[in-house]
């Protein structure tokens, strides 16, 4: 042993010697009732957890679809921008070529 540390000691006390048989039945029924209520609450919590997991999965799926939609729109924007740039370049080249032929 080191310092002020005391050894771990566990004592068990039987409550049955303190309770009358009638009181023991009442305590046991109360405990059973409380355990039954706890079991029902645990089942309800599990149901809620499953519901939330399903909702989370749906939200993740919608998020992925949203990302695909953003990618599709960005791709369409880039294609439109490239097309507009090519049209403007051809217009300028045509105008330069016409000026050279006229001049």
PDB file of N, CA and C in Angstrom:
ATOM      1  N   UNK A   1       0.831  -1.186   0.000  1.00  0.00           N
ATOM      2  CA  UNK A   1       0.000   0.000   0.000  1.00  0.00           C
ATOM      3  C   UNK A   1       0.871   1.243   0.000  1.00  0.00           C
ATOM      4  N   UNK A   2       0.418   2.265  -0.734  1.00  0.00           N
ATOM      5  CA  UNK A   2       1.196   3.506  -0.796  1.00  0.00           C
ATOM      6  C   UNK A   2       0.364   4.665  -0.302  1.00  0.00           C
ATOM      7  N   UNK A   3       0.958   5.533   0.487  1.00  0.00           N
ATOM      8  CA  UNK A   3       0.326   6.783   0.923  1.00  0.00           C
ATOM      9  C   UNK A   3      -0.945   6.584   1.716  1.00  0.00           C
ATOM     10  N   UNK A   4      -1.953   7.448   1.424  1.00  0.00           N
ATOM     11  CA  UNK A   4      -3.219   7.450   2.159  1.00  0.00           C
ATOM     12  C   UNK A   4      -4.252   6.514   1.546  1.00  0.00           C
ATOM     13  N   UNK A   5      -3.887   5.769   0.572  1.00  0.00           N
ATOM     14  CA  UNK A   5      -4.849   4.934  -0.135  1.00  0.00           C
ATOM     15  C   UNK A   5      -5.294   3.769   0.743  1.00  0.00           C
ATOM     16  N   UNK A   6      -6.601   3.576   0.801  1.00  0.00           N
ATOM     17  CA  UNK A   6      -7.167   2.491   1.592  1.00  0.00           C
ATOM     18  C   UNK A   6      -7.496   1.330   0.666  1.00  0.00           C
ATOM     19  N   UNK A   7      -7.474   0.125   1.177  1.00  0.00           N
ATOM     20  CA  UNK A   7      -7.805  -1.018   0.314  1.00  0.00           C
ATOM     21  C   UNK A   7      -9.275  -0.980  -0.080  1.00  0.00           C
ATOM     22  N   UNK A   8      -9.544  -1.450  -1.308  1.00  0.00           N
ATOM     23  CA  UNK A   8     -10.929  -1.501  -1.792  1.00  0.00           C
ATOM     24  C   UNK A   8     -11.657  -2.621  -1.067  1.00  0.00           C
ATOM     25  N   UNK A   9     -12.752  -2.269  -0.436  1.00  0.00           N
ATOM     26  CA  UNK A   9     -13.535  -3.258   0.281  1.00  0.00           C
ATOM     27  C   UNK A   9     -14.986  -3.091  -0.130  1.00  0.00           C
ATOM     28  N   UNK A  10     -15.633  -4.190  -0.421  1.00  0.00           N
ATOM     29  CA  UNK A  10     -17.033  -4.167  -0.821  1.00  0.00           C
ATOM     30  C   UNK A  10     -17.848  -4.884   0.231  1.00  0.00           C
ATOM     31  N   UNK A  11     -18.907  -4.256   0.647  1.00  0.00           N
ATOM     32  CA  UNK A  11     -19.813  -4.861   1.609  1.00  0.00           C
ATOM     33  C   UNK A  11     -21.155  -5.076   0.933  1.00  0.00           C
ATOM     34  N   UNK A  12     -21.746  -6.187   1.178  1.00  0.00           N
ATOM     35  CA  UNK A  12     -23.084  -6.466   0.657  1.00  0.00           C
ATOM     36  C   UNK A  12     -24.033  -6.573   1.840  1.00  0.00           C
ATOM     37  N   UNK A  13     -25.139  -5.879   1.720  1.00  0.00           N
ATOM     38  CA  UNK A  13     -26.147  -5.898   2.778  1.00  0.00           C
ATOM     39  C   UNK A  13     -27.433  -6.415   2.172  1.00  0.00           C
ATOM     40  N   UNK A  14     -28.008  -7.403   2.784  1.00  0.00           N
ATOM     41  CA  UNK A  14     -29.275  -7.952   2.310  1.00  0.00           C
ATOM     42  C   UNK A  14     -30.407  -7.080   2.820  1.00  0.00           C
ATOM     43  N   UNK A  15     -31.195  -6.558   1.909  1.00  0.00           N
ATOM     44  CA  UNK A  15     -32.327  -5.706   2.280  1.00  0.00           C
ATOM     45  C   UNK A  15     -33.514  -6.550   2.722  1.00  0.00           C
ATOM     46  N   UNK A  16     -33.485  -7.834   2.394  1.00  0.00           N
ATOM     47  CA  UNK A  16     -34.629  -8.680   2.740  1.00  0.00           C
ATOM     48  C   UNK A  16     -34.830  -8.781   4.244  1.00  0.00           C
ATOM     49  N   UNK A  17     -33.764  -8.652   5.001  1.00  0.00           N
ATOM     50  CA  UNK A  17     -33.915  -8.714   6.460  1.00  0.00           C
ATOM     51  C   UNK A  17     -34.564  -7.442   6.992  1.00  0.00           C
ATOM     52  N   UNK A  18     -34.516  -6.360   6.231  1.00  0.00           N
ATOM     53  CA  UNK A  18     -35.089  -5.094   6.680  1.00  0.00           C
ATOM     54  C   UNK A  18     -36.546  -4.920   6.261  1.00  0.00           C
ATOM     55  N   UNK A  19     -36.965  -5.676   5.250  1.00  0.00           N
ATOM     56  CA  UNK A  19     -38.319  -5.520   4.730  1.00  0.00           C
ATOM     57  C   UNK A  19     -39.216  -6.645   5.211  1.00  0.00           C
ATOM     58  N   UNK A  20     -40.472  -6.314   5.402  1.00  0.00           N
ATOM     59  CA  UNK A  20     -41.474  -7.321   5.717  1.00  0.00           C
ATOM     60  C   UNK A  20     -41.884  -7.981   4.408  1.00  0.00           C
ATOM     61  N   UNK A  21     -42.392  -9.206   4.437  1.00  0.00           N
ATOM     62  CA  UNK A  21     -42.792  -9.883   3.188  1.00  0.00           C
ATOM     63  C   UNK A  21     -43.750  -9.050   2.343  1.00  0.00           C
ATOM     64  N   UNK A  22     -44.696  -8.346   2.964  1.00  0.00           N
ATOM     65  CA  UNK A  22     -45.640  -7.498   2.225  1.00  0.00           C
ATOM     66  C   UNK A  22     -44.897  -6.365   1.510  1.00  0.00           C
ATOM     67  N   UNK A  23     -43.909  -5.752   2.193  1.00  0.00           N
ATOM     68  CA  UNK A  23     -43.129  -4.667   1.589  1.00  0.00           C
ATOM     69  C   UNK A  23     -42.264  -5.187   0.447  1.00  0.00           C
ATOM     70  N   UNK A  24     -41.739  -6.402   0.595  1.00  0.00           N
ATOM     71  CA  UNK A  24     -40.889  -6.986  -0.459  1.00  0.00           C
ATOM     72  C   UNK A  24     -41.692  -7.165  -1.737  1.00  0.00           C
ATOM     73  N   UNK A  25     -42.938  -7.612  -1.633  1.00  0.00           N
ATOM     74  CA  UNK A  25     -43.787  -7.801  -2.805  1.00  0.00           C
ATOM     75  C   UNK A  25     -44.055  -6.455  -3.473  1.00  0.00           C
ATOM     76  N   UNK A  26     -44.328  -5.438  -2.664  1.00  0.00           N
ATOM     77  CA  UNK A  26     -44.575  -4.100  -3.206  1.00  0.00           C
ATOM     78  C   UNK A  26     -43.346  -3.569  -3.932  1.00  0.00           C
ATOM     79  N   UNK A  27     -42.164  -3.731  -3.341  1.00  0.00           N
ATOM     80  CA  UNK A  27     -40.921  -3.267  -3.965  1.00  0.00           C
ATOM     81  C   UNK A  27     -40.667  -4.033  -5.255  1.00  0.00           C
ATOM     82  N   UNK A  28     -40.846  -5.348  -5.235  1.00  0.00           N
ATOM     83  CA  UNK A  28     -40.620  -6.160  -6.432  1.00  0.00           C
ATOM     84  C   UNK A  28     -41.568  -5.757  -7.560  1.00  0.00           C
ATOM     85  N   UNK A  29     -42.846  -5.504  -7.230  1.00  0.00           N
ATOM     86  CA  UNK A  29     -43.805  -5.089  -8.260  1.00  0.00           C
ATOM     87  C   UNK A  29     -43.451  -3.712  -8.800  1.00  0.00           C
ATOM     88  N   UNK A  30     -43.006  -2.817  -7.956  1.00  0.00           N
ATOM     89  CA  UNK A  30     -42.591  -1.487  -8.401  1.00  0.00           C
ATOM     90  C   UNK A  30     -41.387  -1.591  -9.329  1.00  0.00           C
ATOM     91  N   UNK A  31     -40.441  -2.417  -8.954  1.00  0.00           N
ATOM     92  CA  UNK A  31     -39.242  -2.598  -9.791  1.00  0.00           C
ATOM     93  C   UNK A  31     -39.632  -3.211 -11.126  1.00  0.00           C
ATOM     94  N   UNK A  32     -40.489  -4.222 -11.115  1.00  0.00           N
ATOM     95  CA  UNK A  32     -40.932  -4.835 -12.375  1.00  0.00           C
ATOM     96  C   UNK A  32     -41.629  -3.805 -13.265  1.00  0.00           C
ATOM     97  N   UNK A  33     -42.469  -3.001 -12.647  1.00  0.00           N
ATOM     98  CA  UNK A  33     -43.179  -1.972 -13.406  1.00  0.00           C
ATOM     99  C   UNK A  33     -42.199  -0.964 -14.005  1.00  0.00           C
ATOM    100  N   UNK A  34     -41.218  -0.545 -13.214  1.00  0.00           N
ATOM    101  CA  UNK A  34     -40.216   0.405 -13.710  1.00  0.00           C
ATOM    102  C   UNK A  34     -39.392  -0.200 -14.836  1.00  0.00           C
ATOM    103  N   UNK A  35     -39.019  -1.478 -14.700  1.00  0.00           N
ATOM    104  CA  UNK A  35     -38.253  -2.140 -15.759  1.00  0.00           C
ATOM    105  C   UNK A  35     -39.080  -2.253 -17.032  1.00  0.00           C
ATOM    106  N   UNK A  36     -40.362  -2.569 -16.881  1.00  0.00           N
ATOM    107  CA  UNK A  36     -41.232  -2.673 -18.053  1.00  0.00           C
ATOM    108  C   UNK A  36     -41.330  -1.324 -18.757  1.00  0.00           C
ATOM    109  N   UNK A  37     -41.474  -0.274 -17.977  1.00  0.00           N
ATOM    110  CA  UNK A  37     -41.536   1.069 -18.560  1.00  0.00           C
ATOM    111  C   UNK A  37     -40.228   1.422 -19.253  1.00  0.00           C
ATOM    112  N   UNK A  38     -39.116   1.062 -18.642  1.00  0.00           N
ATOM    113  CA  UNK A  38     -37.807   1.320 -19.258  1.00  0.00           C
ATOM    114  C   UNK A  38     -37.662   0.563 -20.569  1.00  0.00           C
ATOM    115  N   UNK A  39     -38.115  -0.692 -20.594  1.00  0.00           N
ATOM    116  CA  UNK A  39     -38.040  -1.471 -21.832  1.00  0.00           C
ATOM    117  C   UNK A  39     -38.851  -0.811 -22.939  1.00  0.00           C
ATOM    118  N   UNK A  40     -40.044  -0.328 -22.590  1.00  0.00           N
ATOM    119  CA  UNK A  40     -40.879   0.349 -23.594  1.00  0.00           C
ATOM    120  C   UNK A  40     -40.197   1.605 -24.112  1.00  0.00           C
ATOM    121  N   UNK A  41     -39.587   2.358 -23.206  1.00  0.00           N
ATOM    122  CA  UNK A  41     -38.883   3.571 -23.625  1.00  0.00           C
ATOM    123  C   UNK A  41     -37.688   3.242 -24.516  1.00  0.00           C
ATOM    124  N   UNK A  42     -36.975   2.176 -24.184  1.00  0.00           N
ATOM    125  CA  UNK A  42     -35.834   1.764 -25.012  1.00  0.00           C
ATOM    126  C   UNK A  42     -36.309   1.382 -26.407  1.00  0.00           C
ATOM    127  N   UNK A  43     -37.418   0.654 -26.493  1.00  0.00           N
ATOM    128  CA  UNK A  43     -37.962   0.284 -27.807  1.00  0.00           C
ATOM    129  C   UNK A  43     -38.373   1.521 -28.600  1.00  0.00           C
ATOM    130  N   UNK A  44     -39.011   2.485 -27.928  1.00  0.00           N
ATOM    131  CA  UNK A  44     -39.392   3.718 -28.613  1.00  0.00           C
ATOM    132  C   UNK A  44     -38.165   4.480 -29.094  1.00  0.00           C
ATOM    133  N   UNK A  45     -37.125   4.529 -28.266  1.00  0.00           N
ATOM    134  CA  UNK A  45     -35.892   5.218 -28.668  1.00  0.00           C
ATOM    135  C   UNK A  45     -35.247   4.528 -29.863  1.00  0.00           C
ATOM    136  N   UNK A  46     -35.272   3.204 -29.870  1.00  0.00           N
ATOM    137  CA  UNK A  46     -34.714   2.471 -31.026  1.00  0.00           C
ATOM    138  C   UNK A  46     -35.504   2.779 -32.287  1.00  0.00           C
ATOM    139  N   UNK A  47     -36.836   2.833 -32.147  1.00  0.00           N
ATOM    140  CA  UNK A  47     -37.671   3.172 -33.307  1.00  0.00           C
ATOM    141  C   UNK A  47     -37.336   4.568 -33.829  1.00  0.00           C
ATOM    142  N   UNK A  48     -37.187   5.530 -32.920  1.00  0.00           N
ATOM    143  CA  UNK A  48     -36.816   6.883 -33.328  1.00  0.00           C
ATOM    144  C   UNK A  48     -35.446   6.901 -33.984  1.00  0.00           C
ATOM    145  N   UNK A  49     -34.510   6.135 -33.440  1.00  0.00           N
ATOM    146  CA  UNK A  49     -33.160   6.086 -34.020  1.00  0.00           C
ATOM    147  C   UNK A  49     -33.215   5.532 -35.442  1.00  0.00           C
ATOM    148  N   UNK A  50     -34.007   4.479 -35.653  1.00  0.00           N
ATOM    149  CA  UNK A  50     -34.150   3.915 -37.002  1.00  0.00           C
ATOM    150  C   UNK A  50     -34.790   4.921 -37.953  1.00  0.00           C
ATOM    151  N   UNK A  51     -35.793   5.637 -37.448  1.00  0.00           N
ATOM    152  CA  UNK A  51     -36.443   6.661 -38.268  1.00  0.00           C
ATOM    153  C   UNK A  51     -35.455   7.751 -38.650  1.00  0.00           C
ATOM    154  N   UNK A  52     -34.651   8.186 -37.693  1.00  0.00           N
ATOM    155  CA  UNK A  52     -33.656   9.224 -37.974  1.00  0.00           C
ATOM    156  C   UNK A  52     -32.585   8.722 -38.943  1.00  0.00           C
ATOM    157  N   UNK A  53     -32.195   7.451 -38.812  1.00  0.00           N
ATOM    158  CA  UNK A  53     -31.216   6.899 -39.754  1.00  0.00           C
ATOM    159  C   UNK A  53     -31.776   6.884 -41.168  1.00  0.00           C
ATOM    160  N   UNK A  54     -33.054   6.520 -41.297  1.00  0.00           N
ATOM    161  CA  UNK A  54     -33.694   6.534 -42.613  1.00  0.00           C
ATOM    162  C   UNK A  54     -33.769   7.937 -43.185  1.00  0.00           C
ATOM    163  N   UNK A  55     -34.122   8.887 -42.346  1.00  0.00           N
ATOM    164  CA  UNK A  55     -34.187  10.284 -42.787  1.00  0.00           C
ATOM    165  C   UNK A  55     -32.812  10.782 -43.198  1.00  0.00           C
ATOM    166  N   UNK A  56     -31.796  10.423 -42.437  1.00  0.00           N
ATOM    167  CA  UNK A  56     -30.429  10.817 -42.772  1.00  0.00           C
ATOM    168  C   UNK A  56     -30.013  10.227 -44.114  1.00  0.00           C
ATOM    169  N   UNK A  57     -30.353   8.968 -44.345  1.00  0.00           N
ATOM    170  CA  UNK A  57     -30.018   8.342 -45.629  1.00  0.00           C
ATOM    171  C   UNK A  57     -30.709   9.067 -46.781  1.00  0.00           C
ATOM    172  N   UNK A  58     -31.985   9.448 -46.581  1.00  0.00           N
ATOM    173  CA  UNK A  58     -32.705  10.198 -47.624  1.00  0.00           C
ATOM    174  C   UNK A  58     -32.040  11.550 -47.892  1.00  0.00           C
ATOM    175  N   UNK A  59     -31.655  12.240 -46.817  1.00  0.00           N
ATOM    176  CA  UNK A  59     -30.994  13.542 -46.986  1.00  0.00           C
ATOM    177  C   UNK A  59     -29.663  13.397 -47.701  1.00  0.00           C
ATOM    178  N   UNK A  60     -28.915  12.350 -47.379  1.00  0.00           N
ATOM    179  CA  UNK A  60     -27.638  12.132 -48.068  1.00  0.00           C
ATOM    180  C   UNK A  60     -27.865  11.859 -49.544  1.00  0.00           C
ATOM    181  N   UNK A  61     -28.917  11.093 -49.860  1.00  0.00           N
ATOM    182  CA  UNK A  61     -29.228  10.811 -51.269  1.00  0.00           C
ATOM    183  C   UNK A  61     -29.599  12.099 -51.994  1.00  0.00           C
ATOM    184  N   UNK A  62     -30.422  12.934 -51.363  1.00  0.00           N
ATOM    185  CA  UNK A  62     -30.788  14.217 -51.984  1.00  0.00           C
ATOM    186  C   UNK A  62     -29.562  15.110 -52.151  1.00  0.00           C
ATOM    187  N   UNK A  63     -28.671  15.068 -51.180  1.00  0.00           N
ATOM    188  CA  UNK A  63     -27.446  15.866 -51.259  1.00  0.00           C
ATOM    189  C   UNK A  63     -26.596  15.416 -52.438  1.00  0.00           C
ATOM    190  N   UNK A  64     -26.480  14.104 -52.631  1.00  0.00           N
ATOM    191  CA  UNK A  64     -25.710  13.585 -53.766  1.00  0.00           C
ATOM    192  C   UNK A  64     -26.357  14.003 -55.085  1.00  0.00           C
ATOM    193  N   UNK A  65     -27.693  13.914 -55.135  1.00  0.00           N
ATOM    194  CA  UNK A  65     -28.386  14.339 -56.353  1.00  0.00           C
ATOM    195  C   UNK A  65     -28.169  15.826 -56.599  1.00  0.00           C
ATOM    196  N   UNK A  66     -28.161  16.605 -55.536  1.00  0.00           N
ATOM    197  CA  UNK A  66     -27.899  18.036 -55.667  1.00  0.00           C
ATOM    198  C   UNK A  66     -26.505  18.296 -56.205  1.00  0.00           C
ATOM    199  N   UNK A  67     -25.542  17.520 -55.729  1.00  0.00           N
ATOM    200  CA  UNK A  67     -24.172  17.672 -56.232  1.00  0.00           C
ATOM    201  C   UNK A  67     -24.088  17.324 -57.710  1.00  0.00           C
ATOM    202  N   UNK A  68     -24.793  16.254 -58.130  1.00  0.00           N
ATOM    203  CA  UNK A  68     -24.803  15.893 -59.544  1.00  0.00           C
ATOM    204  C   UNK A  68     -25.450  16.998 -60.376  1.00  0.00           C
ATOM    205  N   UNK A  69     -26.513  17.587 -59.848  1.00  0.00           N
ATOM    206  CA  UNK A  69     -27.187  18.668 -60.562  1.00  0.00           C
ATOM    207  C   UNK A  69     -26.258  19.875 -60.704  1.00  0.00           C
ATOM    208  N   UNK A  70     -25.529  20.196 -59.661  1.00  0.00           N
ATOM    209  CA  UNK A  70     -24.565  21.309 -59.725  1.00  0.00           C
ATOM    210  C   UNK A  70     -23.490  21.016 -60.761  1.00  0.00           C
ATOM    211  N   UNK A  71     -22.980  19.790 -60.762  1.00  0.00           N
ATOM    212  CA  UNK A  71     -21.956  19.410 -61.748  1.00  0.00           C
ATOM    213  C   UNK A  71     -22.507  19.510 -63.173  1.00  0.00           C
ATOM    214  N   UNK A  72     -23.763  19.047 -63.351  1.00  0.00           N
ATOM    215  CA  UNK A  72     -24.377  19.107 -64.690  1.00  0.00           C
ATOM    216  C   UNK A  72     -24.542  20.557 -65.143  1.00  0.00           C
ATOM    217  N   UNK A  73     -24.992  21.408 -64.227  1.00  0.00           N
ATOM    218  CA  UNK A  73     -25.173  22.820 -64.577  1.00  0.00           C
ATOM    219  C   UNK A  73     -23.834  23.501 -64.864  1.00  0.00           C
ATOM    220  N   UNK A  74     -22.814  23.187 -64.095  1.00  0.00           N
ATOM    221  CA  UNK A  74     -21.490  23.772 -64.339  1.00  0.00           C
ATOM    222  C   UNK A  74     -20.938  23.306 -65.688  1.00  0.00           C
ATOM    223  N   UNK A  75     -21.166  22.049 -66.010  1.00  0.00           N
ATOM    224  CA  UNK A  75     -20.713  21.535 -67.306  1.00  0.00           C
ATOM    225  C   UNK A  75     -21.439  22.256 -68.449  1.00  0.00           C
ATOM    226  N   UNK A  76     -22.762  22.426 -68.312  1.00  0.00           N
ATOM    227  CA  UNK A  76     -23.527  23.137 -69.347  1.00  0.00           C
ATOM    228  C   UNK A  76     -23.060  24.583 -69.456  1.00  0.00           C
ATOM    229  N   UNK A  77     -22.778  25.233 -68.336  1.00  0.00           N
ATOM    230  CA  UNK A  77     -22.290  26.615 -68.341  1.00  0.00           C
ATOM    231  C   UNK A  77     -20.941  26.693 -69.058  1.00  0.00           C
ATOM    232  N   UNK A  78     -20.047  25.764 -68.747  1.00  0.00           N
ATOM    233  CA  UNK A  78     -18.721  25.758 -69.391  1.00  0.00           C
ATOM    234  C   UNK A  78     -18.844  25.539 -70.894  1.00  0.00           C
ATOM    235  N   UNK A  79     -19.753  24.644 -71.303  1.00  0.00           N
ATOM    236  CA  UNK A  79     -19.956  24.419 -72.737  1.00  0.00           C
ATOM    237  C   UNK A  79     -20.495  25.679 -73.406  1.00  0.00           C
ATOM    238  N   UNK A  80     -21.456  26.338 -72.759  1.00  0.00           N
ATOM    239  CA  UNK A  80     -22.028  27.570 -73.328  1.00  0.00           C
ATOM    240  C   UNK A  80     -20.965  28.657 -73.411  1.00  0.00           C
ATOM    241  N   UNK A  81     -20.144  28.757 -72.386  1.00  0.00           N
ATOM    242  CA  UNK A  81     -19.080  29.766 -72.376  1.00  0.00           C
ATOM    243  C   UNK A  81     -18.061  29.490 -73.485  1.00  0.00           C
ATOM    244  N   UNK A  82     -17.712  28.221 -73.683  1.00  0.00           N
ATOM    245  CA  UNK A  82     -16.777  27.854 -74.748  1.00  0.00           C
ATOM    246  C   UNK A  82     -17.384  28.161 -76.122  1.00  0.00           C
ATOM    247  N   UNK A  83     -18.667  27.821 -76.292  1.00  0.00           N
ATOM    248  CA  UNK A  83     -19.335  28.095 -77.563  1.00  0.00           C
ATOM    249  C   UNK A  83     -19.378  29.596 -77.837  1.00  0.00           C
ATOM    250  N   UNK A  84     -19.731  30.392 -76.820  1.00  0.00           N
ATOM    251  CA  UNK A  84     -19.782  31.847 -77.002  1.00  0.00           C
ATOM    252  C   UNK A  84     -18.407  32.396 -77.350  1.00  0.00           C
ATOM    253  N   UNK A  85     -17.383  31.883 -76.700  1.00  0.00           N
ATOM    254  CA  UNK A  85     -16.022  32.336 -76.981  1.00  0.00           C
ATOM    255  C   UNK A  85     -15.628  31.992 -78.415  1.00  0.00           C
ATOM    256  N   UNK A  86     -15.976  30.775 -78.856  1.00  0.00           N
ATOM    257  CA  UNK A  86     -15.652  30.369 -80.231  1.00  0.00           C
ATOM    258  C   UNK A  86     -16.408  31.221 -81.257  1.00  0.00           C
ATOM    259  N   UNK A  87     -17.678  31.521 -80.980  1.00  0.00           N
ATOM    260  CA  UNK A  87     -18.475  32.353 -81.901  1.00  0.00           C
ATOM    261  C   UNK A  87     -17.867  33.750 -81.991  1.00  0.00           C
ATOM    262  N   UNK A  88     -17.501  34.350 -80.843  1.00  0.00           N
ATOM    263  CA  UNK A  88     -16.891  35.677 -80.862  1.00  0.00           C
ATOM    264  C   UNK A  88     -15.553  35.666 -81.595  1.00  0.00           C
ATOM    265  N   UNK A  89     -14.777  34.608 -81.414  1.00  0.00           N
ATOM    266  CA  UNK A  89     -13.479  34.505 -82.095  1.00  0.00           C
ATOM    267  C   UNK A  89     -13.685  34.426 -83.608  1.00  0.00           C
ATOM    268  N   UNK A  90     -14.632  33.590 -84.042  1.00  0.00           N
ATOM    269  CA  UNK A  90     -14.916  33.470 -85.482  1.00  0.00           C
ATOM    270  C   UNK A  90     -15.430  34.791 -86.050  1.00  0.00           C
ATOM    271  N   UNK A  91     -16.283  35.492 -85.293  1.00  0.00           N
ATOM    272  CA  UNK A  91     -16.793  36.780 -85.750  1.00  0.00           C
ATOM    273  C   UNK A  91     -15.649  37.771 -85.944  1.00  0.00           C
ATOM    274  N   UNK A  92     -14.749  37.835 -84.969  1.00  0.00           N
ATOM    275  CA  UNK A  92     -13.612  38.759 -85.075  1.00  0.00           C
ATOM    276  C   UNK A  92     -12.691  38.379 -86.236  1.00  0.00           C
ATOM    277  N   UNK A  93     -12.463  37.063 -86.419  1.00  0.00           N
ATOM    278  CA  UNK A  93     -11.607  36.622 -87.535  1.00  0.00           C
ATOM    279  C   UNK A  93     -12.256  36.972 -88.876  1.00  0.00           C
ATOM    280  N   UNK A  94     -13.586  36.782 -88.963  1.00  0.00           N
ATOM    281  CA  UNK A  94     -14.304  37.104 -90.199  1.00  0.00           C
ATOM    282  C   UNK A  94     -14.250  38.599 -90.472  1.00  0.00           C
ATOM    283  N   UNK A  95     -14.443  39.405 -89.443  1.00  0.00           N
ATOM    284  CA  UNK A  95     -14.385  40.865 -89.616  1.00  0.00           C
ATOM    285  C   UNK A  95     -12.987  41.278 -90.051  1.00  0.00           C
ATOM    286  N   UNK A  96     -11.943  40.725 -89.444  1.00  0.00           N
ATOM    287  CA  UNK A  96     -10.573  41.052 -89.846  1.00  0.00           C
ATOM    288  C   UNK A  96     -10.323  40.632 -91.290  1.00  0.00           C
ATOM    289  N   UNK A  97     -10.786  39.467 -91.681  1.00  0.00           N
ATOM    290  CA  UNK A  97     -10.583  38.979 -93.043  1.00  0.00           C
ATOM    291  C   UNK A  97     -11.300  39.872 -94.057  1.00  0.00           C
ATOM    292  N   UNK A  98     -12.542  40.297 -93.753  1.00  0.00           N
ATOM    293  CA  UNK A  98     -13.277  41.174 -94.650  1.00  0.00           C
ATOM    294  C   UNK A  98     -12.575  42.532 -94.786  1.00  0.00           C
ATOM    295  N   UNK A  99     -12.064  43.066 -93.691  1.00  0.00           N
ATOM    296  CA  UNK A  99     -11.339  44.348 -93.759  1.00  0.00           C
ATOM    297  C   UNK A  99     -10.091  44.238 -94.604  1.00  0.00           C
ATOM    298  N   UNK A 100      -9.420  43.114 -94.505  1.00  0.00           N
ATOM    299  CA  UNK A 100      -8.212  42.933 -95.323  1.00  0.00           C
ATOM    300  C   UNK A 100      -8.570  42.849 -96.807  1.00  0.00           C
ATOM    301  N   UNK A 101      -9.680  42.184 -97.142  1.00  0.00           N
ATOM    302  CA  UNK A 101     -10.088  42.056 -98.548  1.00  0.00           C
ATOM    303  C   UNK A 101     -10.600  43.386 -99.114  1.00  0.00           C
ATOM    304  N   UNK A 102     -11.261  44.176 -98.276  1.00  0.00           N
ATOM    305  CA  UNK A 102     -11.774  45.469 -98.716  1.00  0.00           C
ATOM    306  C   UNK A 102     -10.633  46.456 -98.889  1.00  0.00           C
ATOM    307  N   UNK A 103      -9.700  46.439 -97.929  1.00  0.00           N
ATOM    308  CA  UNK A 103      -8.649  47.436 -97.880  1.00  0.00           C
ATOM    309  C   UNK A 103      -7.524  47.211 -98.764  1.00  0.00           C
TER     310      UNK A 103
END
